[in-house]
Amino acid sequence: MKIAVVLAGNGVYDGAEIHEATLTLLAISQQGAEYQCFAPDMQQAHVINHLTGEEMNEKRNVLVESARIARGNIKALSEYKPTQFDAIIFPGGFGVAKNLCSFAFDGPDCQVNAAVEKAIKDTLDAHKPIGALCIAPVLISKVLGNIKVTIGQDEATVNALEAMGAQHIKTTHSEIVVDEKNKIVTTPCYMLDANIAQIAQGVNNVVAKLLALA
């Protein structure tokens, strides 16, 4: 089995959350499947100094930055075809809410990157499962609307999800929510005050369910 992993850059504050991304790749491999990383070929919203938290006066490309995590084995998201994969998964990080969509800036009125929206809709139409970690359920909710998801317990984000038409289920560490009808699997990860072991448990549970649904 093979899972597509969509990255949003490199680093929690302006890209993909590296722990979640790496643990996703590890979980897929340990559970006997293969993966292929993808990212949209686009300029990221901004660049954050991860030491100080301040914005830096430079530009970076989401695909190029994501290649750091993928060790260069990555493709532009425009090349993704659901017929070639058994599932797709979106690790979290602020890059999901800044690059893959504009949720960090616009909330429920956000816009979704065209390649990302197409990948989600095409996967749904192909009846293949979709996984989303941490903040990534907001992305799926904006595209699909009436789905069942979790981001943990953050009230402001829950309100935004519900404003986009999603049904939110409160969860804690490592718990997953499964939308059986749409084959969507979500878990909170760092939307909670979690440690890396708890992140690994949640990611493992999502990947296992994706493979079972596939």
Protein backbone atom coordinates (compact mmCIF):
# COMPACT_ATOMS: atom_id res chain seq x y z
CA MET A 1 0.00 0.00 0.00
CA LYS A 2 1.14 3.55 -0.67
CA ILE A 3 0.17 6.81 1.05
CA ALA A 4 0.66 10.34 -0.27
CA VAL A 5 2.00 12.75 2.36
CA VAL A 6 1.38 16.45 1.74
CA LEU A 7 3.87 18.83 3.33
CA ALA A 8 3.50 22.58 3.84
CA GLY A 9 7.11 23.69 4.12
CA ASN A 10 9.73 23.07 6.79
CA GLY A 11 9.17 24.15 10.39
CA VAL A 12 6.21 24.57 12.71
CA TYR A 13 5.79 28.36 12.50
CA ASP A 14 5.77 28.75 8.72
CA GLY A 15 5.69 25.23 7.27
CA ALA A 16 5.07 21.60 8.13
CA GLU A 17 5.49 20.55 11.77
CA ILE A 18 8.66 18.47 11.50
CA HIS A 19 7.90 15.99 14.31
CA GLU A 20 4.45 15.27 12.88
CA ALA A 21 5.78 14.97 9.34
CA THR A 22 8.67 12.69 10.26
CA LEU A 23 6.58 10.51 12.56
CA THR A 24 4.02 10.16 9.76
CA LEU A 25 6.68 8.81 7.40
CA LEU A 26 7.97 6.49 10.15
CA ALA A 27 4.48 5.19 11.00
CA ILE A 28 3.72 4.46 7.35
CA SER A 29 6.97 2.55 6.93
CA GLN A 30 6.68 0.65 10.23
CA GLN A 31 3.14 -0.44 9.34
CA GLY A 32 4.34 -2.00 6.11
CA ALA A 33 3.30 0.65 3.60
CA GLU A 34 5.19 3.06 1.35
CA TYR A 35 4.92 6.83 1.03
CA GLN A 36 5.49 9.60 -1.47
CA CYS A 37 5.82 13.19 -0.33
CA PHE A 38 4.16 16.08 -2.15
CA ALA A 39 3.98 19.84 -1.68
CA PRO A 40 2.53 22.72 -3.68
CA ASP A 41 5.10 24.59 -5.79
CA MET A 42 4.42 28.08 -4.44
CA GLN A 43 5.93 30.87 -2.40
CA GLN A 44 5.21 30.48 1.30
CA ALA A 45 3.24 33.19 3.11
CA HIS A 46 6.25 34.41 5.07
CA VAL A 47 9.41 33.15 6.75
CA ILE A 48 9.70 32.90 10.54
CA ASN A 49 12.92 32.76 12.56
CA HIS A 50 12.22 29.67 14.66
CA LEU A 51 14.68 30.83 17.33
CA THR A 52 13.10 34.24 17.96
CA GLY A 53 9.62 33.84 16.46
CA GLU A 54 10.13 36.99 14.40
CA GLU A 55 9.39 37.35 10.69
CA MET A 56 12.41 37.38 8.39
CA ASN A 57 12.82 39.56 5.31
CA GLU A 58 13.21 36.75 2.77
CA LYS A 59 11.18 34.52 0.48
CA ARG A 60 11.06 30.72 0.36
CA ASN A 61 9.30 28.12 -1.77
CA VAL A 62 7.02 25.56 -0.10
CA LEU A 63 8.12 22.68 -2.35
CA VAL A 64 11.82 23.49 -1.95
CA GLU A 65 11.53 23.78 1.84
CA SER A 66 9.46 20.59 2.10
CA ALA A 67 12.19 18.76 0.20
CA ARG A 68 14.38 19.15 3.31
CA ILE A 69 12.04 16.82 5.23
CA ALA A 70 11.57 14.46 2.29
CA ARG A 71 15.36 14.21 1.71
CA GLY A 72 14.75 15.43 -1.83
CA ASN A 73 12.26 12.68 -2.72
CA ILE A 74 9.25 14.90 -3.29
CA LYS A 75 6.94 15.90 -6.11
CA ALA A 76 4.82 18.95 -6.86
CA LEU A 77 1.29 18.44 -5.58
CA SER A 78 -0.02 19.12 -9.09
CA GLU A 79 1.37 15.68 -10.02
CA TYR A 80 -0.72 13.83 -7.41
CA LYS A 81 -3.19 11.28 -8.77
CA PRO A 82 -5.37 9.41 -6.24
CA THR A 83 -5.53 6.36 -8.51
CA GLN A 84 -1.84 5.78 -7.73
CA PHE A 85 -2.31 5.83 -3.93
CA ASP A 86 -4.36 4.14 -1.24
CA ALA A 87 -4.70 7.21 1.00
CA ILE A 88 -3.50 10.77 1.53
CA ILE A 89 -2.43 12.45 4.78
CA PHE A 90 -1.74 16.05 5.80
CA PRO A 91 0.62 16.60 8.78
CA GLY A 92 0.06 19.85 10.68
CA GLY A 93 2.09 22.96 11.36
CA PHE A 94 1.27 26.61 10.72
CA GLY A 95 2.23 26.11 7.07
CA VAL A 96 -1.06 24.26 6.63
CA ALA A 97 -2.94 27.37 7.80
CA LYS A 98 -0.64 29.86 6.05
CA ASN A 99 0.49 28.16 2.82
CA LEU A 100 -1.99 25.39 2.00
CA CYS A 101 -4.79 27.76 2.94
CA SER A 102 -5.12 31.20 4.54
CA PHE A 103 -6.87 30.10 7.75
CA ALA A 104 -4.20 31.69 9.97
CA PHE A 105 -5.02 35.08 8.47
CA ASP A 106 -8.68 34.81 7.43
CA GLY A 107 -10.25 32.20 9.72
CA PRO A 108 -13.41 30.53 8.35
CA ASP A 109 -13.32 32.86 5.31
CA CYS A 110 -9.97 31.43 4.21
CA GLN A 111 -8.98 30.50 0.68
CA VAL A 112 -7.46 27.10 -0.17
CA ASN A 113 -4.58 26.59 -2.58
CA ALA A 114 -5.99 25.26 -5.86
CA ALA A 115 -3.71 22.20 -6.02
CA VAL A 116 -4.56 21.33 -2.41
CA GLU A 117 -8.30 21.66 -3.00
CA LYS A 118 -8.09 19.49 -6.11
CA ALA A 119 -6.09 16.80 -4.27
CA ILE A 120 -8.68 16.63 -1.46
CA LYS A 121 -11.70 16.57 -3.78
CA ASP A 122 -10.14 14.05 -6.16
CA THR A 123 -9.29 11.75 -3.25
CA LEU A 124 -12.82 11.97 -1.90
CA ASP A 125 -14.26 11.28 -5.35
CA ALA A 126 -11.98 8.24 -5.65
CA HIS A 127 -13.34 6.94 -2.30
CA LYS A 128 -9.83 6.91 -0.82
CA PRO A 129 -9.24 7.81 2.86
CA ILE A 130 -7.89 11.18 3.98
CA GLY A 131 -5.86 11.78 7.15
CA ALA A 132 -5.32 15.16 8.82
CA LEU A 133 -3.18 15.94 11.86
CA CYS A 134 -3.14 18.90 14.25
CA ILE A 135 -4.53 22.02 12.49
CA ALA A 136 -4.93 20.25 9.12
CA PRO A 137 -8.62 19.36 9.73
CA VAL A 138 -9.47 23.03 9.12
CA LEU A 139 -8.14 22.58 5.60
CA ILE A 140 -10.27 19.50 4.94
CA SER A 141 -13.30 21.17 6.53
CA LYS A 142 -13.00 24.27 4.35
CA VAL A 143 -12.93 22.14 1.19
CA LEU A 144 -15.55 19.54 2.13
CA GLY A 145 -17.80 21.30 4.66
CA ASN A 146 -20.09 18.83 6.40
CA ILE A 147 -17.58 16.34 7.84
CA LYS A 148 -16.72 14.99 11.29
CA VAL A 149 -13.25 15.92 12.61
CA THR A 150 -11.18 16.80 15.68
CA ILE A 151 -8.50 19.34 16.50
CA GLY A 152 -8.60 18.49 20.20
CA GLN A 153 -10.20 21.09 22.46
CA ASP A 154 -9.19 24.61 21.35
CA GLU A 155 -12.45 26.57 21.53
CA ALA A 156 -11.62 29.24 18.95
CA THR A 157 -10.59 26.69 16.35
CA VAL A 158 -13.62 24.52 17.14
CA ASN A 159 -15.89 27.53 16.54
CA ALA A 160 -14.16 28.20 13.22
CA LEU A 161 -14.56 24.58 12.15
CA GLU A 162 -18.24 24.64 12.97
CA ALA A 163 -18.61 27.91 11.06
CA MET A 164 -17.27 26.06 8.01
CA GLY A 165 -19.93 23.37 8.46
CA ALA A 166 -17.88 20.67 10.17
CA GLN A 167 -18.93 18.64 13.20
CA HIS A 168 -16.22 18.73 15.86
CA ILE A 169 -15.58 15.95 18.39
CA LYS A 170 -13.48 16.84 21.45
CA THR A 171 -10.50 14.53 21.98
CA THR A 172 -7.34 14.23 24.01
CA HIS A 173 -3.89 12.76 23.37
CA SER A 174 -3.62 10.01 20.73
CA GLU A 175 -7.39 9.78 20.21
CA ILE A 176 -8.69 9.78 16.65
CA VAL A 177 -12.02 10.71 15.10
CA VAL A 178 -13.22 8.75 12.08
CA ASP A 179 -15.75 10.06 9.60
CA GLU A 180 -16.75 6.67 8.24
CA LYS A 181 -18.94 8.08 5.46
CA ASN A 182 -16.20 10.24 3.94
CA LYS A 183 -13.23 8.12 5.14
CA ILE A 184 -11.60 11.01 7.01
CA VAL A 185 -9.36 10.35 10.03
CA THR A 186 -8.11 13.14 12.32
CA THR A 187 -6.14 13.54 15.57
CA PRO A 188 -5.08 16.65 17.59
CA CYS A 189 -1.28 16.19 17.87
CA TYR A 190 0.29 19.56 18.84
CA MET A 191 -3.08 21.32 18.99
CA LEU A 192 -2.87 19.92 22.51
CA ASP A 193 0.03 20.46 24.94
CA ALA A 194 1.63 17.20 23.82
CA ASN A 195 5.04 15.57 23.96
CA ILE A 196 6.66 13.74 21.07
CA ALA A 197 5.68 10.29 22.39
CA GLN A 198 2.01 11.33 22.48
CA ILE A 199 2.35 12.70 18.95
CA ALA A 200 3.74 9.36 17.80
CA GLN A 201 0.80 7.48 19.31
CA GLY A 202 -1.75 9.70 17.59
CA VAL A 203 0.02 9.50 14.24
CA ASN A 204 0.32 5.72 14.49
CA ASN A 205 -3.40 5.45 15.20
CA VAL A 206 -4.31 7.62 12.21
CA VAL A 207 -2.06 5.71 9.81
CA ALA A 208 -3.38 2.36 11.05
CA LYS A 209 -6.96 3.50 10.47
CA LEU A 210 -6.15 4.89 7.02
CA LEU A 211 -4.66 1.56 6.00
CA ALA A 212 -7.65 -0.31 7.43
CA LEU A 213 -10.08 1.93 5.52
CA ALA A 214 -8.06 1.51 2.34
